[in-house]
């Protein structure tokens, strides 16, 4: 019985949809990408082609050298932070430099209403 439960949990993490489920992701060394969603953080090795596909899809905005946010999941901005959840949790926020923040706000305001 324990094996079935473990397999079910593993499948949830393996079968997430990046464009639908992820708030943001950070690119690490040699194809290791850390995906951050509502209730989880997952590190996965992906190919350069997969990474380029996510980046070129238009769903993600580059906010730093290695971090991309899902523009559909951004709820608000607060003092240099992009927030993805109504609960103020550090794991659901991304720090953004002031000089990038204005450009990000313009990109997001073209798509939906975000609390600025």
C-alpha atoms as a PDB file:
ATOM      1  CA  UNK A   1       0.000   0.000   0.000  1.00  0.00           C
ATOM      2  CA  UNK A   2       2.816   2.456   0.769  1.00  0.00           C
ATOM      3  CA  UNK A   3       4.352   1.926  -2.655  1.00  0.00           C
ATOM      4  CA  UNK A   4       1.116   2.983  -4.387  1.00  0.00           C
ATOM      5  CA  UNK A   5       0.930   6.199  -2.356  1.00  0.00           C
ATOM      6  CA  UNK A   6       4.572   6.993  -3.092  1.00  0.00           C
ATOM      7  CA  UNK A   7       4.013   6.399  -6.824  1.00  0.00           C
ATOM      8  CA  UNK A   8       0.937   8.658  -6.828  1.00  0.00           C
ATOM      9  CA  UNK A   9       2.852  11.494  -5.142  1.00  0.00           C
ATOM     10  CA  UNK A  10       5.765  11.105  -7.517  1.00  0.00           C
ATOM     11  CA  UNK A  11       3.455  11.304 -10.546  1.00  0.00           C
ATOM     12  CA  UNK A  12       1.994  14.616  -9.338  1.00  0.00           C
ATOM     13  CA  UNK A  13       5.464  16.149  -9.385  1.00  0.00           C
ATOM     14  CA  UNK A  14       6.546  14.562 -12.650  1.00  0.00           C
ATOM     15  CA  UNK A  15       3.403  15.510 -14.568  1.00  0.00           C
ATOM     16  CA  UNK A  16       3.068  19.197 -13.708  1.00  0.00           C
ATOM     17  CA  UNK A  17       2.491  21.589 -16.599  1.00  0.00           C
ATOM     18  CA  UNK A  18       5.056  24.367 -16.587  1.00  0.00           C
ATOM     19  CA  UNK A  19       2.896  26.946 -18.371  1.00  0.00           C
ATOM     20  CA  UNK A  20      -0.160  26.197 -16.227  1.00  0.00           C
ATOM     21  CA  UNK A  21       1.190  25.314 -12.779  1.00  0.00           C
ATOM     22  CA  UNK A  22       4.441  27.228 -12.266  1.00  0.00           C
ATOM     23  CA  UNK A  23       4.721  30.706 -10.728  1.00  0.00           C
ATOM     24  CA  UNK A  24       8.372  31.129 -11.687  1.00  0.00           C
ATOM     25  CA  UNK A  25      11.496  29.176 -12.474  1.00  0.00           C
ATOM     26  CA  UNK A  26      15.210  29.680 -11.952  1.00  0.00           C
ATOM     27  CA  UNK A  27      17.831  28.310 -14.287  1.00  0.00           C
ATOM     28  CA  UNK A  28      20.815  26.625 -12.675  1.00  0.00           C
ATOM     29  CA  UNK A  29      23.923  24.953 -13.973  1.00  0.00           C
ATOM     30  CA  UNK A  30      23.931  22.329 -16.721  1.00  0.00           C
ATOM     31  CA  UNK A  31      20.200  22.175 -17.382  1.00  0.00           C
ATOM     32  CA  UNK A  32      19.021  22.044 -13.768  1.00  0.00           C
ATOM     33  CA  UNK A  33      15.926  24.214 -13.411  1.00  0.00           C
ATOM     34  CA  UNK A  34      14.107  24.948 -10.169  1.00  0.00           C
ATOM     35  CA  UNK A  35      10.349  25.280 -10.723  1.00  0.00           C
ATOM     36  CA  UNK A  36       8.269  27.043  -8.066  1.00  0.00           C
ATOM     37  CA  UNK A  37       4.509  26.539  -7.867  1.00  0.00           C
ATOM     38  CA  UNK A  38       1.712  27.050  -5.394  1.00  0.00           C
ATOM     39  CA  UNK A  39       2.567  24.187  -3.050  1.00  0.00           C
ATOM     40  CA  UNK A  40       5.908  22.918  -4.251  1.00  0.00           C
ATOM     41  CA  UNK A  41       9.407  23.548  -5.521  1.00  0.00           C
ATOM     42  CA  UNK A  42      10.786  21.029  -8.009  1.00  0.00           C
ATOM     43  CA  UNK A  43      14.308  20.769  -9.391  1.00  0.00           C
ATOM     44  CA  UNK A  44      14.501  19.063 -12.748  1.00  0.00           C
ATOM     45  CA  UNK A  45      17.063  18.552 -15.468  1.00  0.00           C
ATOM     46  CA  UNK A  46      15.690  19.748 -18.794  1.00  0.00           C
ATOM     47  CA  UNK A  47      17.156  20.075 -22.251  1.00  0.00           C
ATOM     48  CA  UNK A  48      18.241  23.370 -23.758  1.00  0.00           C
ATOM     49  CA  UNK A  49      15.416  22.960 -26.297  1.00  0.00           C
ATOM     50  CA  UNK A  50      12.810  22.630 -23.507  1.00  0.00           C
ATOM     51  CA  UNK A  51      14.182  25.691 -21.714  1.00  0.00           C
ATOM     52  CA  UNK A  52      14.213  27.752 -24.908  1.00  0.00           C
ATOM     53  CA  UNK A  53      10.644  26.634 -25.600  1.00  0.00           C
ATOM     54  CA  UNK A  54       9.458  27.934 -22.213  1.00  0.00           C
ATOM     55  CA  UNK A  55      11.317  31.212 -22.649  1.00  0.00           C
ATOM     56  CA  UNK A  56      10.144  31.825 -26.225  1.00  0.00           C
ATOM     57  CA  UNK A  57       6.515  30.859 -25.489  1.00  0.00           C
ATOM     58  CA  UNK A  58       5.730  34.419 -24.400  1.00  0.00           C
ATOM     59  CA  UNK A  59       4.301  33.212 -21.063  1.00  0.00           C
ATOM     60  CA  UNK A  60       7.432  33.955 -19.049  1.00  0.00           C
ATOM     61  CA  UNK A  61       9.142  37.277 -18.401  1.00  0.00           C
ATOM     62  CA  UNK A  62      12.815  37.481 -17.505  1.00  0.00           C
ATOM     63  CA  UNK A  63      13.192  39.321 -14.189  1.00  0.00           C
ATOM     64  CA  UNK A  64      16.864  38.590 -13.525  1.00  0.00           C
ATOM     65  CA  UNK A  65      19.756  36.785 -15.130  1.00  0.00           C
ATOM     66  CA  UNK A  66      18.414  33.360 -14.201  1.00  0.00           C
ATOM     67  CA  UNK A  67      14.787  33.907 -13.119  1.00  0.00           C
ATOM     68  CA  UNK A  68      11.629  33.933 -15.243  1.00  0.00           C
ATOM     69  CA  UNK A  69       8.098  34.595 -13.941  1.00  0.00           C
ATOM     70  CA  UNK A  70       4.861  33.279 -15.384  1.00  0.00           C
ATOM     71  CA  UNK A  71       3.070  36.475 -16.362  1.00  0.00           C
ATOM     72  CA  UNK A  72      -0.332  34.764 -16.003  1.00  0.00           C
ATOM     73  CA  UNK A  73       0.335  34.071 -12.306  1.00  0.00           C
ATOM     74  CA  UNK A  74       1.487  37.520 -11.124  1.00  0.00           C
ATOM     75  CA  UNK A  75      -1.002  39.077  -8.700  1.00  0.00           C
ATOM     76  CA  UNK A  76       0.750  42.228  -7.540  1.00  0.00           C
ATOM     77  CA  UNK A  77       3.938  44.195  -6.947  1.00  0.00           C
ATOM     78  CA  UNK A  78       5.119  45.359  -3.551  1.00  0.00           C
ATOM     79  CA  UNK A  79       8.372  47.185  -2.730  1.00  0.00           C
ATOM     80  CA  UNK A  80      10.534  45.473  -5.339  1.00  0.00           C
ATOM     81  CA  UNK A  81       8.720  42.149  -5.092  1.00  0.00           C
ATOM     82  CA  UNK A  82       6.527  40.280  -7.531  1.00  0.00           C
ATOM     83  CA  UNK A  83       3.801  38.445  -5.586  1.00  0.00           C
ATOM     84  CA  UNK A  84       1.993  35.318  -6.770  1.00  0.00           C
ATOM     85  CA  UNK A  85      -0.224  34.545  -3.790  1.00  0.00           C
ATOM     86  CA  UNK A  86      -2.460  36.553  -1.478  1.00  0.00           C
ATOM     87  CA  UNK A  87      -0.608  35.119   1.514  1.00  0.00           C
ATOM     88  CA  UNK A  88       2.590  37.042   2.063  1.00  0.00           C
ATOM     89  CA  UNK A  89       5.042  34.172   1.875  1.00  0.00           C
ATOM     90  CA  UNK A  90       8.641  34.624   0.783  1.00  0.00           C
ATOM     91  CA  UNK A  91       8.446  31.453  -1.279  1.00  0.00           C
ATOM     92  CA  UNK A  92       5.680  33.014  -3.365  1.00  0.00           C
ATOM     93  CA  UNK A  93       7.577  36.228  -4.105  1.00  0.00           C
ATOM     94  CA  UNK A  94      10.453  37.148  -6.384  1.00  0.00           C
ATOM     95  CA  UNK A  95      12.762  40.107  -5.787  1.00  0.00           C
ATOM     96  CA  UNK A  96      13.084  42.439  -8.772  1.00  0.00           C
ATOM     97  CA  UNK A  97      15.501  45.308  -9.258  1.00  0.00           C
ATOM     98  CA  UNK A  98      13.904  48.741  -9.557  1.00  0.00           C
ATOM     99  CA  UNK A  99      15.251  49.324 -13.055  1.00  0.00           C
ATOM    100  CA  UNK A 100      13.597  46.123 -14.351  1.00  0.00           C
ATOM    101  CA  UNK A 101      10.354  46.606 -12.473  1.00  0.00           C
ATOM    102  CA  UNK A 102       8.951  49.334 -14.732  1.00  0.00           C
ATOM    103  CA  UNK A 103       9.442  47.272 -17.898  1.00  0.00           C
ATOM    104  CA  UNK A 104       7.863  44.227 -16.262  1.00  0.00           C
ATOM    105  CA  UNK A 105       4.857  46.276 -15.162  1.00  0.00           C
ATOM    106  CA  UNK A 106       4.392  47.541 -18.723  1.00  0.00           C
ATOM    107  CA  UNK A 107       4.545  44.026 -20.153  1.00  0.00           C
ATOM    108  CA  UNK A 108       2.015  42.746 -17.615  1.00  0.00           C
ATOM    109  CA  UNK A 109      -0.376  45.681 -17.897  1.00  0.00           C
ATOM    110  CA  UNK A 110      -0.755  44.942 -21.606  1.00  0.00           C
ATOM    111  CA  UNK A 111      -2.105  41.480 -20.736  1.00  0.00           C
ATOM    112  CA  UNK A 112      -4.201  41.814 -17.570  1.00  0.00           C
ATOM    113  CA  UNK A 113      -4.917  43.922 -14.545  1.00  0.00           C
ATOM    114  CA  UNK A 114      -2.254  43.532 -11.890  1.00  0.00           C
ATOM    115  CA  UNK A 115      -2.207  45.501  -8.641  1.00  0.00           C
ATOM    116  CA  UNK A 116       0.642  47.965  -9.051  1.00  0.00           C
END
